Each structure stands twice: as C-alpha cells, then as structure tokens.
N, C-alpha and C. Protein backbone atom coordinates (compact mmCIF):
# COMPACT_ATOMS: atom_id res chain seq x y z
N MET A 1 0.73 -1.32 0.11
CA MET A 1 0.35 -0.22 -0.07
C MET A 1 1.17 1.22 0.13
N SER A 2 0.78 2.08 -0.93
CA SER A 2 1.32 3.22 -1.08
C SER A 2 1.08 4.03 0.03
N ARG A 3 1.87 4.80 1.04
CA ARG A 3 1.86 5.58 1.96
C ARG A 3 1.95 7.31 2.08
N HIS A 4 0.90 7.53 2.11
CA HIS A 4 0.51 9.24 2.35
C HIS A 4 1.34 9.96 3.84
N TYR A 5 1.07 11.15 3.74
CA TYR A 5 1.75 11.94 5.40
C TYR A 5 0.32 11.56 5.87
N HIS A 6 -0.50 12.16 5.95
CA HIS A 6 -2.04 11.75 6.63
C HIS A 6 -2.92 10.62 6.72
N ALA A 7 -3.39 9.93 7.97
CA ALA A 7 -3.77 9.16 7.75
C ALA A 7 -5.44 9.26 8.24
N VAL A 8 -6.43 8.72 8.46
CA VAL A 8 -7.74 8.37 9.13
C VAL A 8 -7.77 7.10 9.51
N VAL A 9 -7.86 6.82 10.95
CA VAL A 9 -8.71 5.33 11.68
C VAL A 9 -10.04 5.48 11.73
N TRP A 10 -11.03 5.36 11.16
CA TRP A 10 -12.50 5.18 11.64
C TRP A 10 -12.35 3.52 12.07
N ILE A 11 -13.21 3.90 13.47
CA ILE A 11 -12.91 2.44 14.26
C ILE A 11 -14.36 2.72 15.19
N ASP A 12 -14.72 1.24 14.92
CA ASP A 12 -16.11 0.71 16.09
C ASP A 12 -15.55 -0.60 17.00
N HIS A 13 -16.76 -1.09 17.32
CA HIS A 13 -15.62 -2.57 18.22
C HIS A 13 -16.16 -3.45 16.93
N ARG A 14 -16.37 -3.66 15.43
CA ARG A 14 -16.05 -4.72 14.95
C ARG A 14 -15.04 -4.35 13.99
N GLU A 15 -15.10 -3.22 13.74
CA GLU A 15 -13.79 -3.00 12.13
C GLU A 15 -12.95 -1.65 12.06
N ALA A 16 -11.99 -1.76 11.62
CA ALA A 16 -11.79 -0.33 11.67
C ALA A 16 -10.98 -0.19 10.43
N ARG A 17 -10.97 1.06 9.72
CA ARG A 17 -10.93 1.18 8.25
C ARG A 17 -9.71 2.56 8.56
N VAL A 18 -8.37 2.13 8.40
CA VAL A 18 -7.41 2.79 7.97
C VAL A 18 -7.12 3.00 7.13
N ILE A 19 -6.89 4.82 6.49
CA ILE A 19 -7.21 5.24 5.28
C ILE A 19 -6.11 6.06 5.45
N TYR A 20 -5.31 5.63 4.22
CA TYR A 20 -3.91 6.95 4.04
C TYR A 20 -4.02 7.86 2.86
N PHE A 21 -4.14 9.04 3.00
CA PHE A 21 -4.43 10.07 1.83
C PHE A 21 -3.71 11.14 1.57
N ASN A 22 -3.59 11.78 0.27
CA ASN A 22 -2.88 13.17 0.31
C ASN A 22 -4.22 13.62 -0.73
N ALA A 23 -4.15 14.89 -1.39
CA ALA A 23 -5.14 15.82 -1.78
C ALA A 23 -5.70 14.63 -2.96
N ASP A 24 -4.69 14.01 -3.76
CA ASP A 24 -5.50 13.03 -4.80
C ASP A 24 -5.62 11.83 -4.97
N ALA A 25 -5.18 11.20 -3.48
CA ALA A 25 -4.99 9.83 -3.77
C ALA A 25 -5.98 9.10 -2.25
N ALA A 26 -5.78 8.23 -2.48
CA ALA A 26 -5.87 7.42 -0.86
C ALA A 26 -6.00 5.94 -1.02
N ASP A 27 -5.52 5.05 0.06
CA ASP A 27 -5.48 4.08 0.40
C ASP A 27 -5.81 2.84 1.35
N GLU A 28 -6.47 2.36 1.54
CA GLU A 28 -7.21 1.91 2.57
C GLU A 28 -6.86 0.18 2.72
N LEU A 29 -7.02 0.25 4.41
CA LEU A 29 -6.65 -0.99 4.84
C LEU A 29 -8.15 -1.26 6.13
N THR A 30 -8.69 -2.53 6.13
CA THR A 30 -9.60 -2.73 7.11
C THR A 30 -9.04 -3.57 7.77
N ILE A 31 -9.14 -3.95 9.21
CA ILE A 31 -9.00 -4.65 9.84
C ILE A 31 -9.93 -4.98 10.83
N HIS A 32 -10.66 -6.24 10.84
CA HIS A 32 -11.40 -6.72 11.82
C HIS A 32 -11.17 -7.15 13.27
N SER A 33 -12.17 -6.80 14.07
CA SER A 33 -11.87 -7.57 15.62
C SER A 33 -12.50 -9.07 15.74
N ALA A 34 -11.43 -9.66 16.28
CA ALA A 34 -12.12 -11.05 16.53
C ALA A 34 -13.53 -10.94 17.30
N HIS A 35 -13.80 -9.69 17.92
CA HIS A 35 -15.01 -10.02 18.66
C HIS A 35 -16.29 -9.17 17.60
N ALA A 36 -15.89 -9.39 16.37
CA ALA A 36 -17.08 -8.69 15.45
C ALA A 36 -18.07 -8.96 15.20
N PRO A 37 -18.45 -10.63 15.43
CA PRO A 37 -20.02 -11.10 15.03
C PRO A 37 -20.60 -10.47 16.62
N ARG A 38 -20.08 -10.38 17.54
CA ARG A 38 -20.87 -9.90 19.02
C ARG A 38 -20.74 -8.76 19.44
N HIS A 39 -22.05 -7.82 19.80
CA HIS A 39 -22.19 -6.44 20.10
C HIS A 39 -21.48 -6.26 21.87
N LEU A 40 -20.19 -5.39 21.54
CA LEU A 40 -19.82 -5.26 22.60
C LEU A 40 -20.29 -3.33 23.56
N HIS A 41 -20.71 -3.87 25.13
CA HIS A 41 -21.47 -2.50 25.94
C HIS A 41 -20.24 -2.13 26.76
N ALA A 42 -20.24 -0.97 26.54
CA ALA A 42 -19.21 -0.31 27.88
C ALA A 42 -19.36 -0.62 28.94
N SER A 43 -20.39 -1.22 29.00
CA SER A 43 -20.62 -1.88 30.83
C SER A 43 -20.75 -3.39 30.63
N SER A 44 -20.44 -4.15 30.09
CA SER A 44 -20.57 -5.43 30.01
C SER A 44 -19.41 -6.28 30.53
N GLY A 45 -19.44 -7.00 31.26
CA GLY A 45 -18.44 -7.81 32.30
C GLY A 45 -17.57 -8.93 31.53
N SER A 46 -16.96 -9.12 31.64
CA SER A 46 -15.69 -10.17 31.51
C SER A 46 -15.96 -11.95 32.47
N SER A 47 -15.64 -12.77 32.04
CA SER A 47 -15.69 -13.91 32.88
C SER A 47 -15.32 -13.78 34.90
N ALA A 48 -14.19 -12.35 34.76
CA ALA A 48 -13.58 -12.39 35.55
C ALA A 48 -14.17 -11.15 36.54
N GLY A 49 -15.64 -10.57 35.82
CA GLY A 49 -16.24 -9.62 36.37
C GLY A 49 -15.39 -8.46 36.63
N THR A 50 -15.09 -7.82 35.40
CA THR A 50 -14.11 -6.71 35.33
C THR A 50 -15.09 -6.27 33.79
N HIS A 51 -14.60 -5.16 33.43
CA HIS A 51 -15.57 -4.42 31.88
C HIS A 51 -14.22 -4.76 31.07
N GLU A 52 -14.71 -5.19 29.79
CA GLU A 52 -13.96 -5.17 28.65
C GLU A 52 -13.67 -3.69 28.40
N HIS A 53 -12.50 -3.16 27.32
CA HIS A 53 -12.25 -2.16 27.35
C HIS A 53 -11.42 -2.39 25.94
N GLY A 54 -12.01 -3.02 25.15
CA GLY A 54 -11.66 -3.32 23.61
C GLY A 54 -10.96 -4.55 23.68
N ASP A 55 -10.73 -5.21 22.35
CA ASP A 55 -9.81 -5.72 22.03
C ASP A 55 -8.18 -6.00 21.37
N THR A 56 -7.30 -6.21 23.02
CA THR A 56 -5.76 -5.77 22.60
C THR A 56 -5.38 -5.98 21.54
N THR A 57 -5.62 -7.02 20.75
CA THR A 57 -5.05 -7.82 19.30
C THR A 57 -5.46 -6.72 18.27
N TYR A 58 -6.10 -6.70 18.60
CA TYR A 58 -7.57 -6.05 17.28
C TYR A 58 -6.83 -4.47 17.76
N PHE A 59 -6.65 -3.63 18.44
CA PHE A 59 -5.95 -2.39 18.78
C PHE A 59 -4.23 -2.19 17.87
N ARG A 60 -3.78 -3.60 18.85
CA ARG A 60 -2.54 -3.46 18.57
C ARG A 60 -2.34 -3.46 16.90
N ASP A 61 -3.28 -4.17 16.36
CA ASP A 61 -2.77 -4.67 14.44
C ASP A 61 -3.45 -2.80 13.55
N VAL A 62 -4.43 -2.35 14.28
CA VAL A 62 -4.46 -0.97 14.34
C VAL A 62 -3.48 -0.24 14.39
N ALA A 63 -3.01 0.01 15.34
CA ALA A 63 -1.89 0.94 15.79
C ALA A 63 -0.65 0.34 14.59
N GLU A 64 -0.71 -0.62 14.58
CA GLU A 64 0.82 -1.22 13.46
C GLU A 64 0.22 -0.44 11.87
N ALA A 65 -0.82 -0.31 11.51
CA ALA A 65 -1.29 -0.21 10.46
C ALA A 65 -1.54 1.74 10.07
N LEU A 66 -1.69 2.05 11.40
CA LEU A 66 -1.08 3.69 11.21
C LEU A 66 0.61 4.05 11.39
N GLY A 67 1.53 2.47 11.86
CA GLY A 67 2.96 3.13 11.66
C GLY A 67 3.50 3.57 11.10
N GLU A 68 3.02 4.26 9.40
CA GLU A 68 4.03 4.90 8.81
C GLU A 68 3.55 6.22 8.55
N ALA A 69 2.47 6.51 9.11
CA ALA A 69 1.66 7.85 9.16
C ALA A 69 2.62 8.77 10.06
N LYS A 70 2.35 10.08 9.55
CA LYS A 70 3.10 11.45 10.09
C LYS A 70 2.26 11.72 10.73
N ALA A 71 0.69 11.78 10.56
CA ALA A 71 0.34 12.29 11.43
C ALA A 71 -1.53 11.76 11.31
N PHE A 72 -2.03 11.61 11.84
CA PHE A 72 -3.56 10.78 12.00
C PHE A 72 -4.47 11.29 12.42
N LEU A 73 -5.98 11.02 12.36
CA LEU A 73 -6.93 11.48 13.33
C LEU A 73 -7.65 10.29 13.82
N VAL A 74 -8.23 10.05 14.83
CA VAL A 74 -9.25 8.33 14.85
C VAL A 74 -10.54 9.25 14.73
N ALA A 75 -11.53 9.00 14.64
CA ALA A 75 -12.52 8.80 14.40
C ALA A 75 -13.19 7.51 14.46
N GLY A 76 -15.07 7.89 15.01
CA GLY A 76 -15.84 6.88 14.78
C GLY A 76 -17.17 7.07 15.76
N PRO A 77 -18.20 6.16 15.64
CA PRO A 77 -19.29 6.54 16.36
C PRO A 77 -19.39 6.48 17.94
N SER A 78 -19.06 5.55 18.26
CA SER A 78 -19.10 4.98 19.56
C SER A 78 -17.43 5.29 20.50
N THR A 79 -17.69 4.54 21.51
CA THR A 79 -16.55 4.64 22.65
C THR A 79 -15.61 4.18 21.91
N ALA A 80 -15.48 2.70 20.93
CA ALA A 80 -14.02 2.06 20.13
C ALA A 80 -13.01 3.43 20.12
N LYS A 81 -13.44 4.51 19.80
CA LYS A 81 -12.15 5.50 19.63
C LYS A 81 -11.71 5.69 20.84
N THR A 82 -12.11 6.02 21.63
CA THR A 82 -11.83 6.53 22.44
C THR A 82 -11.31 5.57 23.67
N GLU A 83 -11.44 4.13 23.62
CA GLU A 83 -10.70 3.33 24.28
C GLU A 83 -9.37 3.15 23.20
N PHE A 84 -9.46 3.13 21.96
CA PHE A 84 -7.86 2.83 21.59
C PHE A 84 -7.37 3.96 21.66
N VAL A 85 -7.65 5.03 21.88
CA VAL A 85 -7.18 6.18 22.22
C VAL A 85 -6.06 6.13 23.85
N THR A 86 -7.04 5.75 24.34
CA THR A 86 -6.64 4.81 26.00
C THR A 86 -5.66 3.83 25.91
N TRP A 87 -5.55 3.20 25.04
CA TRP A 87 -4.95 1.63 24.84
C TRP A 87 -3.48 2.34 24.14
N LEU A 88 -4.07 3.31 23.36
CA LEU A 88 -2.18 4.02 22.49
C LEU A 88 -1.44 4.56 23.15
N ARG A 89 -2.38 5.38 24.51
CA ARG A 89 -1.65 5.99 25.48
C ARG A 89 -0.56 4.74 26.41
N LYS A 90 -1.60 4.08 26.55
CA LYS A 90 -0.60 3.01 27.05
C LYS A 90 0.19 2.26 27.19
N HIS A 91 0.31 1.89 25.69
CA HIS A 91 0.91 0.85 25.15
C HIS A 91 1.36 0.67 23.64
N ALA A 92 1.31 2.19 23.34
CA ALA A 92 2.17 2.83 21.94
C ALA A 92 1.88 4.23 21.93
N PRO A 93 2.85 4.86 23.30
CA PRO A 93 3.19 6.53 23.25
C PRO A 93 3.89 6.84 22.06
N GLN A 94 4.81 5.87 21.30
CA GLN A 94 5.34 6.95 20.28
C GLN A 94 4.21 6.97 19.15
N THR A 95 3.44 6.39 18.84
CA THR A 95 2.44 6.24 17.68
C THR A 95 1.42 7.47 18.62
N VAL A 96 0.74 7.29 19.44
CA VAL A 96 -0.21 8.32 19.94
C VAL A 96 0.60 9.86 20.00
N GLU A 97 1.70 10.28 20.16
CA GLU A 97 2.54 11.23 19.57
C GLU A 97 1.95 12.02 18.58
N ARG A 98 2.17 11.25 17.38
CA ARG A 98 1.23 11.35 16.05
C ARG A 98 -0.07 11.90 15.74
N MET A 99 -1.43 11.35 16.79
CA MET A 99 -2.25 11.54 16.80
C MET A 99 -2.63 13.17 16.75
N SER A 100 -3.30 13.51 15.89
CA SER A 100 -4.16 15.18 15.48
C SER A 100 -5.30 15.00 16.10
N GLY A 101 -5.92 14.55 16.35
CA GLY A 101 -6.60 14.53 16.99
C GLY A 101 -7.91 13.64 17.30
N VAL A 102 -9.42 13.80 17.54
CA VAL A 102 -10.24 12.49 17.82
C VAL A 102 -11.77 13.65 17.60
N GLU A 103 -12.07 12.95 16.33
CA GLU A 103 -13.85 13.22 16.16
C GLU A 103 -14.73 12.23 16.21
N THR A 104 -15.85 12.36 16.16
CA THR A 104 -16.94 11.28 16.74
C THR A 104 -17.84 11.94 14.93
N LEU A 105 -17.61 10.66 14.46
CA LEU A 105 -18.04 10.20 12.94
C LEU A 105 -19.26 9.26 12.97
N ALA A 106 -20.32 9.63 12.75
CA ALA A 106 -21.44 8.45 11.70
C ALA A 106 -20.60 7.29 11.08
N TYR A 107 -21.90 6.51 11.11
CA TYR A 107 -21.19 5.47 9.78
C TYR A 107 -21.33 6.21 8.64
N MET A 108 -20.30 6.48 7.93
CA MET A 108 -19.91 6.78 6.07
C MET A 108 -19.33 6.05 5.48
N THR A 109 -19.40 6.31 4.01
CA THR A 109 -18.60 5.65 2.83
C THR A 109 -17.00 6.07 3.31
N ASP A 110 -16.09 5.77 2.76
CA ASP A 110 -14.97 6.15 2.49
C ASP A 110 -14.81 7.10 1.96
N GLY A 111 -15.42 7.45 1.44
CA GLY A 111 -15.17 8.90 0.35
C GLY A 111 -15.95 9.73 1.73
N GLN A 112 -17.00 9.85 2.12
CA GLN A 112 -17.12 10.67 2.89
C GLN A 112 -16.30 10.61 4.30
N ILE A 113 -15.64 9.74 4.70
CA ILE A 113 -14.79 9.89 5.85
C ILE A 113 -13.27 10.62 5.62
N ILE A 114 -13.16 10.22 3.96
CA ILE A 114 -11.68 10.57 3.68
C ILE A 114 -12.26 12.47 3.02
N ALA A 115 -13.46 13.17 2.89
CA ALA A 115 -13.73 14.53 3.48
C ALA A 115 -13.64 15.11 4.50
N GLU A 116 -14.03 14.15 5.28
CA GLU A 116 -14.10 14.84 6.56
C GLU A 116 -13.04 14.68 7.11
N ALA A 117 -12.20 14.10 6.53
CA ALA A 117 -10.40 13.91 7.30
C ALA A 117 -9.70 14.88 6.58
N ARG A 118 -10.21 14.91 5.30
CA ARG A 118 -9.27 16.64 4.69
C ARG A 118 -9.50 17.71 5.10
N ARG A 119 -10.75 18.27 5.38
CA ARG A 119 -11.11 19.14 6.40
C ARG A 119 -10.74 19.11 7.34
N PHE A 120 -10.45 17.95 8.30
CA PHE A 120 -9.98 18.18 9.52
C PHE A 120 -8.32 18.62 9.31
N PHE A 121 -7.66 17.95 8.75
CA PHE A 121 -6.66 18.29 8.37
C PHE A 121 -5.89 19.38 7.68
N LYS A 122 -6.76 20.00 6.92
CA LYS A 122 -6.78 21.56 6.43
C LYS A 122 -6.26 22.34 7.48
N GLY A 123 -7.28 22.78 8.47
CA GLY A 123 -7.05 23.23 9.58
C GLY A 123 -6.15 23.05 10.65
N ALA A 124 -5.91 21.65 10.81
CA ALA A 124 -4.79 21.46 11.89
C ALA A 124 -3.58 21.48 11.24
N ASP A 125 -3.10 21.27 10.27
CA ASP A 125 -2.13 21.54 9.49
C ASP A 125 -1.39 23.20 9.32
N LEU A 126 -2.23 23.62 9.48
CA LEU A 126 -1.71 25.80 9.70
C LEU A 126 -1.57 25.55 11.05
N MET A 127 -1.55 24.25 11.76
CA MET A 127 -0.81 24.83 13.44
C MET A 127 0.52 24.21 13.72
N ARG A 128 0.78 23.38 12.66
CA ARG A 128 2.46 23.06 13.01
C ARG A 128 2.91 22.47 11.74
N PRO A 129 4.12 22.57 11.57
CA PRO A 129 5.07 22.41 10.10
C PRO A 129 4.89 20.75 9.75
N GLN A 130 4.78 20.34 8.61
CA GLN A 130 4.95 19.08 8.33
C GLN A 130 6.14 18.46 7.86
N THR A 131 7.21 17.82 8.72
CA THR A 131 8.39 17.80 8.04
C THR A 131 8.26 15.90 7.28
N THR A 132 9.34 15.45 6.85
CA THR A 132 9.38 13.84 6.25
C THR A 132 10.21 13.07 7.31
C-alpha cells in the first residue's frame, strides 16, 4: 500500500478502516476485530467480573497499520475510538504522539470519511510544520 503523510482511522468495535490519503489519492486497509460478531457494551463484564475495554490484539493491529502515518485522526461513532486512544497512550506512546485529534463521525462511506479527514487536516496542518 502506498503511504501518504496523513491517515484517518475510523474505528468501532467491529472494524477499523485505516485510510492513508493526500489531496488526490487514498489507500485503505480494513482490520476486523476478533469480537466482530458480538455486540460489545461499555458496561459488559468479562468472566472475571471486570469491564471489557476493547480487544488488545485488535488495537495493536490498528496501531501497526498507522505505523507510517506522520499525522493521523481517530474517528468513529462509538466508545471504541476513545478506548483505542486510551490503549495507545498506555501501549504505544510513540504512536499517540502523531495523533492529531479525535472526532465523532457516524457510519460513513470511505469517500465521506476522507472528505471529513481532509477538512480536519486543512485546519490542523496550519498549526504545525510538516516534516518528512
């Protein structure tokens, strides 16, 4: 997959769509959670009596997919995006440093996600220099 400076990850508890993009092109990778068939709730408990806060393997795979992005946006409709950011802060601090923001976005097509991310970065890029 060709890599661009920016990326957006649209994430819910079932799948993450990691899209690298520039003004003219985009490349996408979809990552599925092992828990995809099952609906997760923030208050659902595990057999150990604790609350589930996302699938560690899933979050690791998403973080690895963001590995080459110089700046990325995390987006999605549910709590999965904040759970992912919390996981990044604890397990991948070098990746979270490149995160530009977190946005709530409903279920959208890839084109709509890219349009929202381009709009976001148009403003965000004015705030910091881009280096390779």
